[in-house]
Amino acid sequence: MDGLPEEYPPWMTRLLDDTPAASLLGAQPISLDAASGAFRIGFEGKDAFCNMLGVLQGGFVTAMLDMAMSFAAIARIGPEFRVPTLEMKTVFIAPARPGRLIGEGRPVRAGKTICFMEGRLLDPEGALLATASSTARVWRARG
């Protein structure tokens, strides 16, 4: 990750660099409030992600939301943890078109073994495209 602001914790750069999906989705952090876990991340919706209607296929939208929520949870509970998704619901509100997209994630409640999260995907003008809620396992990463 080139050019991240100094205030980003080093773990974020490492974790994004170690996540192939982050590179595929063009993930670039925008803002992080570690105390609350509120996280904003930019994505690049590529033409290759489009379905036959010319809009982003729902699986890519869901992956962006999943990443925004997961990084938000890790910011809150600590970089030594991972939060594999157990269940996720995505609501598609408006078509996501190719180009820049903004993901927002936040943990709703994080316990010792389970974390509940919410996410939103916006277009560059701030229009809401999709929302998500997720339940994840809190898992301590090795090493």
N, C-alpha and C. Protein backbone atom coordinates (compact mmCIF):
# COMPACT_ATOMS: atom_id res chain seq x y z
N MET A 1 0.85 -1.17 0.00
CA MET A 1 0.00 0.00 0.00
C MET A 1 0.90 1.24 0.00
N ASP A 2 0.88 1.96 -1.03
CA ASP A 2 1.68 3.17 -1.13
C ASP A 2 0.88 4.38 -0.67
N GLY A 3 1.56 5.30 -0.02
CA GLY A 3 0.99 6.60 0.26
C GLY A 3 -0.06 6.65 1.34
N LEU A 4 -0.09 5.69 2.26
CA LEU A 4 -1.05 5.76 3.35
C LEU A 4 -0.64 6.86 4.31
N PRO A 5 -1.60 7.59 4.85
CA PRO A 5 -1.27 8.63 5.83
C PRO A 5 -0.58 8.02 7.05
N GLU A 6 0.23 8.82 7.71
CA GLU A 6 1.02 8.36 8.85
C GLU A 6 0.17 7.82 9.99
N GLU A 7 -1.06 8.32 10.14
CA GLU A 7 -1.87 7.92 11.28
C GLU A 7 -2.39 6.48 11.18
N TYR A 8 -2.26 5.85 10.01
CA TYR A 8 -2.72 4.47 9.90
C TYR A 8 -1.77 3.55 10.64
N PRO A 9 -2.34 2.63 11.41
CA PRO A 9 -1.47 1.71 12.15
C PRO A 9 -0.75 0.77 11.20
N PRO A 10 0.47 0.38 11.54
CA PRO A 10 1.25 -0.50 10.66
C PRO A 10 0.55 -1.82 10.34
N TRP A 11 -0.24 -2.33 11.27
CA TRP A 11 -0.92 -3.60 11.02
C TRP A 11 -1.86 -3.51 9.82
N MET A 12 -2.45 -2.33 9.59
CA MET A 12 -3.39 -2.19 8.49
C MET A 12 -2.68 -2.38 7.15
N THR A 13 -1.55 -1.76 7.00
CA THR A 13 -0.78 -1.90 5.77
C THR A 13 -0.41 -3.36 5.55
N ARG A 14 0.09 -4.01 6.62
CA ARG A 14 0.47 -5.43 6.50
C ARG A 14 -0.72 -6.29 6.12
N LEU A 15 -1.84 -6.09 6.80
CA LEU A 15 -3.01 -6.91 6.55
C LEU A 15 -3.57 -6.70 5.15
N LEU A 16 -3.62 -5.47 4.69
CA LEU A 16 -4.08 -5.22 3.32
C LEU A 16 -3.12 -5.83 2.30
N ASP A 17 -1.82 -5.69 2.54
CA ASP A 17 -0.83 -6.28 1.63
C ASP A 17 -0.92 -7.79 1.59
N ASP A 18 -1.32 -8.41 2.71
CA ASP A 18 -1.41 -9.87 2.80
C ASP A 18 -2.78 -10.41 2.37
N THR A 19 -3.67 -9.55 1.92
CA THR A 19 -5.02 -9.95 1.53
C THR A 19 -5.17 -9.79 0.02
N PRO A 20 -5.05 -10.88 -0.75
CA PRO A 20 -5.15 -10.75 -2.21
C PRO A 20 -6.44 -10.09 -2.68
N ALA A 21 -7.54 -10.31 -1.99
CA ALA A 21 -8.82 -9.69 -2.40
C ALA A 21 -8.74 -8.17 -2.30
N ALA A 22 -7.96 -7.65 -1.35
CA ALA A 22 -7.82 -6.20 -1.22
C ALA A 22 -7.21 -5.61 -2.48
N SER A 23 -6.21 -6.28 -3.01
CA SER A 23 -5.58 -5.82 -4.25
C SER A 23 -6.55 -5.93 -5.42
N LEU A 24 -7.25 -7.04 -5.52
CA LEU A 24 -8.21 -7.23 -6.60
C LEU A 24 -9.28 -6.15 -6.60
N LEU A 25 -9.75 -5.79 -5.41
CA LEU A 25 -10.82 -4.79 -5.27
C LEU A 25 -10.31 -3.35 -5.27
N GLY A 26 -8.99 -3.17 -5.37
CA GLY A 26 -8.42 -1.82 -5.37
C GLY A 26 -8.60 -1.10 -4.04
N ALA A 27 -8.53 -1.85 -2.94
CA ALA A 27 -8.80 -1.30 -1.61
C ALA A 27 -7.75 -0.29 -1.18
N GLN A 28 -8.21 0.89 -0.72
CA GLN A 28 -7.35 1.94 -0.20
C GLN A 28 -8.06 2.57 1.00
N PRO A 29 -7.46 2.47 2.20
CA PRO A 29 -8.09 3.07 3.38
C PRO A 29 -8.29 4.56 3.22
N ILE A 30 -9.40 5.04 3.77
CA ILE A 30 -9.71 6.47 3.73
C ILE A 30 -9.64 7.06 5.13
N SER A 31 -10.33 6.43 6.08
CA SER A 31 -10.30 6.93 7.46
C SER A 31 -10.57 5.79 8.43
N LEU A 32 -10.04 5.97 9.63
CA LEU A 32 -10.19 4.97 10.67
C LEU A 32 -10.29 5.67 12.02
N ASP A 33 -11.30 5.29 12.78
CA ASP A 33 -11.42 5.71 14.17
C ASP A 33 -11.27 4.44 14.99
N ALA A 34 -10.05 4.17 15.44
CA ALA A 34 -9.76 2.91 16.13
C ALA A 34 -10.59 2.75 17.39
N ALA A 35 -10.92 3.83 18.07
CA ALA A 35 -11.70 3.74 19.32
C ALA A 35 -13.09 3.18 19.05
N SER A 36 -13.75 3.66 18.02
CA SER A 36 -15.11 3.19 17.72
C SER A 36 -15.10 2.05 16.71
N GLY A 37 -14.01 1.93 15.95
CA GLY A 37 -13.94 0.93 14.90
C GLY A 37 -14.53 1.40 13.58
N ALA A 38 -14.99 2.65 13.50
CA ALA A 38 -15.54 3.17 12.25
C ALA A 38 -14.43 3.23 11.20
N PHE A 39 -14.68 2.64 10.05
CA PHE A 39 -13.66 2.51 9.02
C PHE A 39 -14.27 2.84 7.67
N ARG A 40 -13.56 3.64 6.89
CA ARG A 40 -13.95 3.96 5.51
C ARG A 40 -12.82 3.51 4.60
N ILE A 41 -13.20 2.87 3.50
CA ILE A 41 -12.23 2.33 2.57
C ILE A 41 -12.73 2.52 1.15
N GLY A 42 -11.82 2.93 0.27
CA GLY A 42 -12.17 3.09 -1.13
C GLY A 42 -11.93 1.81 -1.90
N PHE A 43 -12.77 1.58 -2.89
CA PHE A 43 -12.63 0.43 -3.78
C PHE A 43 -12.71 0.90 -5.22
N GLU A 44 -12.19 0.09 -6.13
CA GLU A 44 -12.29 0.37 -7.55
C GLU A 44 -13.18 -0.70 -8.18
N GLY A 45 -14.40 -0.30 -8.54
CA GLY A 45 -15.31 -1.22 -9.22
C GLY A 45 -14.89 -1.33 -10.68
N LYS A 46 -14.31 -2.44 -11.03
CA LYS A 46 -13.76 -2.63 -12.37
C LYS A 46 -14.83 -3.13 -13.34
N ASP A 47 -14.64 -2.84 -14.62
CA ASP A 47 -15.56 -3.32 -15.66
C ASP A 47 -15.64 -4.85 -15.62
N ALA A 48 -14.54 -5.50 -15.28
CA ALA A 48 -14.52 -6.97 -15.22
C ALA A 48 -15.42 -7.53 -14.12
N PHE A 49 -15.88 -6.67 -13.20
CA PHE A 49 -16.77 -7.10 -12.11
C PHE A 49 -18.24 -7.01 -12.51
N CYS A 50 -18.52 -6.53 -13.71
CA CYS A 50 -19.91 -6.26 -14.11
C CYS A 50 -20.64 -7.51 -14.58
N ASN A 51 -21.95 -7.50 -14.37
CA ASN A 51 -22.82 -8.55 -14.87
C ASN A 51 -23.34 -8.16 -16.25
N MET A 52 -24.29 -8.90 -16.76
CA MET A 52 -24.80 -8.63 -18.11
C MET A 52 -25.61 -7.34 -18.21
N LEU A 53 -25.94 -6.73 -17.07
CA LEU A 53 -26.65 -5.45 -17.07
C LEU A 53 -25.69 -4.26 -17.04
N GLY A 54 -24.38 -4.55 -16.95
CA GLY A 54 -23.39 -3.48 -16.94
C GLY A 54 -23.16 -2.85 -15.58
N VAL A 55 -23.64 -3.48 -14.52
CA VAL A 55 -23.41 -3.01 -13.15
C VAL A 55 -22.64 -4.09 -12.38
N LEU A 56 -22.05 -3.68 -11.25
CA LEU A 56 -21.25 -4.64 -10.50
C LEU A 56 -22.10 -5.82 -10.03
N GLN A 57 -21.59 -7.01 -10.25
CA GLN A 57 -22.24 -8.22 -9.80
C GLN A 57 -22.30 -8.21 -8.28
N GLY A 58 -23.38 -8.69 -7.71
CA GLY A 58 -23.62 -8.61 -6.27
C GLY A 58 -22.55 -9.24 -5.41
N GLY A 59 -21.88 -10.25 -5.90
CA GLY A 59 -20.82 -10.89 -5.12
C GLY A 59 -19.65 -9.95 -4.87
N PHE A 60 -19.33 -9.10 -5.83
CA PHE A 60 -18.25 -8.13 -5.64
C PHE A 60 -18.67 -7.03 -4.66
N VAL A 61 -19.91 -6.59 -4.77
CA VAL A 61 -20.43 -5.61 -3.82
C VAL A 61 -20.37 -6.19 -2.41
N THR A 62 -20.80 -7.43 -2.27
CA THR A 62 -20.78 -8.10 -0.97
C THR A 62 -19.36 -8.24 -0.44
N ALA A 63 -18.41 -8.58 -1.30
CA ALA A 63 -17.01 -8.70 -0.88
C ALA A 63 -16.48 -7.36 -0.36
N MET A 64 -16.84 -6.27 -1.02
CA MET A 64 -16.40 -4.95 -0.57
C MET A 64 -16.98 -4.64 0.81
N LEU A 65 -18.25 -4.91 1.00
CA LEU A 65 -18.88 -4.69 2.30
C LEU A 65 -18.26 -5.57 3.38
N ASP A 66 -17.99 -6.82 3.05
CA ASP A 66 -17.38 -7.75 3.99
C ASP A 66 -16.01 -7.25 4.44
N MET A 67 -15.22 -6.74 3.49
CA MET A 67 -13.90 -6.22 3.83
C MET A 67 -14.00 -4.98 4.71
N ALA A 68 -14.90 -4.07 4.38
CA ALA A 68 -15.06 -2.84 5.18
C ALA A 68 -15.45 -3.20 6.62
N MET A 69 -16.38 -4.12 6.77
CA MET A 69 -16.83 -4.50 8.11
C MET A 69 -15.73 -5.25 8.88
N SER A 70 -15.03 -6.14 8.21
CA SER A 70 -13.99 -6.92 8.88
C SER A 70 -12.85 -6.04 9.38
N PHE A 71 -12.40 -5.10 8.56
CA PHE A 71 -11.33 -4.21 9.00
C PHE A 71 -11.79 -3.30 10.13
N ALA A 72 -13.06 -2.90 10.11
CA ALA A 72 -13.60 -2.11 11.20
C ALA A 72 -13.57 -2.90 12.50
N ALA A 73 -13.97 -4.15 12.44
CA ALA A 73 -13.96 -4.99 13.64
C ALA A 73 -12.54 -5.21 14.16
N ILE A 74 -11.62 -5.47 13.27
CA ILE A 74 -10.22 -5.68 13.68
C ILE A 74 -9.66 -4.41 14.31
N ALA A 75 -10.04 -3.26 13.78
CA ALA A 75 -9.58 -1.99 14.38
C ALA A 75 -10.07 -1.87 15.81
N ARG A 76 -11.27 -2.35 16.09
CA ARG A 76 -11.84 -2.25 17.43
C ARG A 76 -11.26 -3.30 18.38
N ILE A 77 -11.18 -4.56 17.92
CA ILE A 77 -10.79 -5.63 18.86
C ILE A 77 -9.30 -5.90 18.90
N GLY A 78 -8.56 -5.49 17.87
CA GLY A 78 -7.11 -5.63 17.88
C GLY A 78 -6.57 -6.37 16.69
N PRO A 79 -5.39 -5.97 16.21
CA PRO A 79 -4.82 -6.54 14.99
C PRO A 79 -4.38 -7.99 15.12
N GLU A 80 -4.36 -8.52 16.33
CA GLU A 80 -4.00 -9.93 16.51
C GLU A 80 -5.20 -10.85 16.25
N PHE A 81 -6.35 -10.28 15.93
CA PHE A 81 -7.56 -11.06 15.69
C PHE A 81 -7.97 -11.03 14.23
N ARG A 82 -8.73 -12.04 13.83
CA ARG A 82 -9.39 -12.09 12.53
C ARG A 82 -10.86 -12.35 12.80
N VAL A 83 -11.70 -12.02 11.84
CA VAL A 83 -13.15 -12.17 12.03
C VAL A 83 -13.78 -12.85 10.81
N PRO A 84 -13.57 -14.16 10.68
CA PRO A 84 -14.19 -14.86 9.56
C PRO A 84 -15.72 -14.80 9.67
N THR A 85 -16.34 -14.53 8.55
CA THR A 85 -17.79 -14.34 8.50
C THR A 85 -18.52 -15.66 8.70
N LEU A 86 -19.49 -15.63 9.60
CA LEU A 86 -20.37 -16.78 9.82
C LEU A 86 -21.67 -16.63 9.04
N GLU A 87 -22.15 -15.39 8.96
CA GLU A 87 -23.42 -15.09 8.30
C GLU A 87 -23.38 -13.65 7.85
N MET A 88 -23.98 -13.39 6.67
CA MET A 88 -23.98 -12.02 6.17
C MET A 88 -25.23 -11.80 5.32
N LYS A 89 -25.84 -10.65 5.50
CA LYS A 89 -26.98 -10.25 4.69
C LYS A 89 -26.63 -8.97 3.96
N THR A 90 -26.83 -8.96 2.65
CA THR A 90 -26.59 -7.78 1.84
C THR A 90 -27.91 -7.32 1.23
N VAL A 91 -28.17 -6.02 1.31
CA VAL A 91 -29.35 -5.43 0.70
C VAL A 91 -28.86 -4.50 -0.42
N PHE A 92 -29.27 -4.78 -1.65
CA PHE A 92 -28.87 -3.99 -2.80
C PHE A 92 -29.92 -2.91 -3.03
N ILE A 93 -29.53 -1.66 -2.84
CA ILE A 93 -30.46 -0.54 -2.88
C ILE A 93 -30.47 0.15 -4.25
N ALA A 94 -29.30 0.29 -4.83
CA ALA A 94 -29.18 0.92 -6.15
C ALA A 94 -28.01 0.25 -6.88
N PRO A 95 -28.02 0.28 -8.21
CA PRO A 95 -26.92 -0.35 -8.95
C PRO A 95 -25.57 0.29 -8.64
N ALA A 96 -24.58 -0.55 -8.42
CA ALA A 96 -23.20 -0.08 -8.25
C ALA A 96 -22.54 -0.11 -9.62
N ARG A 97 -22.11 1.05 -10.07
CA ARG A 97 -21.51 1.15 -11.40
C ARG A 97 -19.99 1.11 -11.29
N PRO A 98 -19.31 0.76 -12.37
CA PRO A 98 -17.85 0.75 -12.35
C PRO A 98 -17.29 2.12 -11.94
N GLY A 99 -16.16 2.08 -11.25
CA GLY A 99 -15.52 3.31 -10.80
C GLY A 99 -15.28 3.27 -9.31
N ARG A 100 -14.99 4.42 -8.77
CA ARG A 100 -14.69 4.55 -7.34
C ARG A 100 -15.93 4.30 -6.49
N LEU A 101 -15.76 3.52 -5.42
CA LEU A 101 -16.82 3.24 -4.46
C LEU A 101 -16.25 3.38 -3.06
N ILE A 102 -17.10 3.69 -2.11
CA ILE A 102 -16.66 3.89 -0.73
C ILE A 102 -17.38 2.90 0.16
N GLY A 103 -16.61 2.12 0.92
CA GLY A 103 -17.17 1.21 1.90
C GLY A 103 -17.03 1.79 3.29
N GLU A 104 -18.06 1.60 4.09
CA GLU A 104 -18.02 2.01 5.49
C GLU A 104 -18.38 0.79 6.33
N GLY A 105 -17.61 0.55 7.36
CA GLY A 105 -17.89 -0.56 8.25
C GLY A 105 -17.80 -0.13 9.69
N ARG A 106 -18.55 -0.82 10.54
CA ARG A 106 -18.43 -0.56 11.98
C ARG A 106 -18.87 -1.80 12.74
N PRO A 107 -18.18 -2.10 13.82
CA PRO A 107 -18.65 -3.19 14.67
C PRO A 107 -19.80 -2.68 15.52
N VAL A 108 -20.85 -3.46 15.62
CA VAL A 108 -21.99 -3.11 16.44
C VAL A 108 -21.76 -3.59 17.87
N ARG A 109 -21.27 -4.81 17.98
CA ARG A 109 -20.94 -5.38 19.29
C ARG A 109 -19.88 -6.45 19.06
N ALA A 110 -18.83 -6.38 19.86
CA ALA A 110 -17.76 -7.36 19.76
C ALA A 110 -17.56 -8.04 21.10
N GLY A 111 -17.72 -9.35 21.12
CA GLY A 111 -17.50 -10.12 22.33
C GLY A 111 -16.23 -10.95 22.21
N LYS A 112 -16.08 -11.91 23.09
CA LYS A 112 -14.88 -12.75 23.08
C LYS A 112 -14.85 -13.73 21.92
N THR A 113 -16.04 -14.17 21.46
CA THR A 113 -16.07 -15.17 20.40
C THR A 113 -16.89 -14.77 19.18
N ILE A 114 -17.76 -13.78 19.32
CA ILE A 114 -18.64 -13.36 18.22
C ILE A 114 -18.62 -11.84 18.09
N CYS A 115 -18.68 -11.38 16.83
CA CYS A 115 -18.74 -9.94 16.56
C CYS A 115 -19.88 -9.69 15.58
N PHE A 116 -20.68 -8.66 15.85
CA PHE A 116 -21.75 -8.23 14.96
C PHE A 116 -21.31 -6.93 14.30
N MET A 117 -21.53 -6.83 12.98
CA MET A 117 -21.03 -5.69 12.23
C MET A 117 -22.09 -5.16 11.26
N GLU A 118 -21.92 -3.90 10.86
CA GLU A 118 -22.76 -3.29 9.84
C GLU A 118 -21.87 -2.59 8.81
N GLY A 119 -22.37 -2.54 7.58
CA GLY A 119 -21.61 -1.87 6.53
C GLY A 119 -22.52 -1.18 5.53
N ARG A 120 -21.92 -0.22 4.81
CA ARG A 120 -22.62 0.52 3.76
C ARG A 120 -21.67 0.70 2.59
N LEU A 121 -22.20 0.68 1.38
CA LEU A 121 -21.41 0.98 0.19
C LEU A 121 -22.04 2.19 -0.48
N LEU A 122 -21.20 3.17 -0.80
CA LEU A 122 -21.64 4.45 -1.36
C LEU A 122 -20.95 4.72 -2.69
N ASP A 123 -21.61 5.51 -3.52
CA ASP A 123 -20.93 5.99 -4.73
C ASP A 123 -20.12 7.24 -4.35
N PRO A 124 -19.33 7.78 -5.27
CA PRO A 124 -18.48 8.93 -4.92
C PRO A 124 -19.24 10.17 -4.44
N GLU A 125 -20.50 10.30 -4.82
CA GLU A 125 -21.30 11.45 -4.38
C GLU A 125 -21.99 11.19 -3.04
N GLY A 126 -21.82 9.99 -2.50
CA GLY A 126 -22.41 9.66 -1.21
C GLY A 126 -23.76 8.97 -1.28
N ALA A 127 -24.22 8.63 -2.46
CA ALA A 127 -25.50 7.91 -2.59
C ALA A 127 -25.33 6.47 -2.09
N LEU A 128 -26.30 6.01 -1.34
CA LEU A 128 -26.26 4.66 -0.77
C LEU A 128 -26.59 3.63 -1.84
N LEU A 129 -25.69 2.66 -2.00
CA LEU A 129 -25.86 1.61 -2.99
C LEU A 129 -26.27 0.29 -2.37
N ALA A 130 -25.71 -0.03 -1.20
CA ALA A 130 -25.98 -1.31 -0.55
C ALA A 130 -25.67 -1.21 0.93
N THR A 131 -26.33 -2.04 1.71
CA THR A 131 -26.03 -2.16 3.13
C THR A 131 -25.80 -3.63 3.45
N ALA A 132 -25.18 -3.87 4.59
CA ALA A 132 -24.95 -5.26 5.01
C ALA A 132 -24.92 -5.34 6.52
N SER A 133 -25.26 -6.50 7.01
CA SER A 133 -25.05 -6.84 8.41
C SER A 133 -24.40 -8.21 8.43
N SER A 134 -23.57 -8.42 9.44
CA SER A 134 -22.79 -9.64 9.46
C SER A 134 -22.53 -10.11 10.88
N THR A 135 -22.42 -11.40 11.02
CA THR A 135 -21.99 -12.03 12.26
C THR A 135 -20.69 -12.75 11.95
N ALA A 136 -19.69 -12.56 12.78
CA ALA A 136 -18.39 -13.17 12.53
C ALA A 136 -17.85 -13.82 13.79
N ARG A 137 -17.00 -14.77 13.60
CA ARG A 137 -16.29 -15.41 14.72
C ARG A 137 -15.08 -14.57 15.04
N VAL A 138 -14.82 -14.36 16.30
CA VAL A 138 -13.59 -13.67 16.71
C VAL A 138 -12.54 -14.74 16.91
N TRP A 139 -11.46 -14.65 16.16
CA TRP A 139 -10.45 -15.68 16.14
C TRP A 139 -9.07 -15.03 16.28
N ARG A 140 -8.26 -15.53 17.21
CA ARG A 140 -6.91 -15.01 17.40
C ARG A 140 -5.99 -15.65 16.34
N ALA A 141 -5.37 -14.79 15.54
CA ALA A 141 -4.48 -15.26 14.47
C ALA A 141 -3.19 -15.81 15.06
N ARG A 142 -2.62 -16.76 14.40
CA ARG A 142 -1.33 -17.32 14.83
C ARG A 142 -0.20 -16.45 14.35
N GLY A 143 0.87 -16.48 15.13
CA GLY A 143 2.09 -15.78 14.73
C GLY A 143 1.99 -14.35 14.86
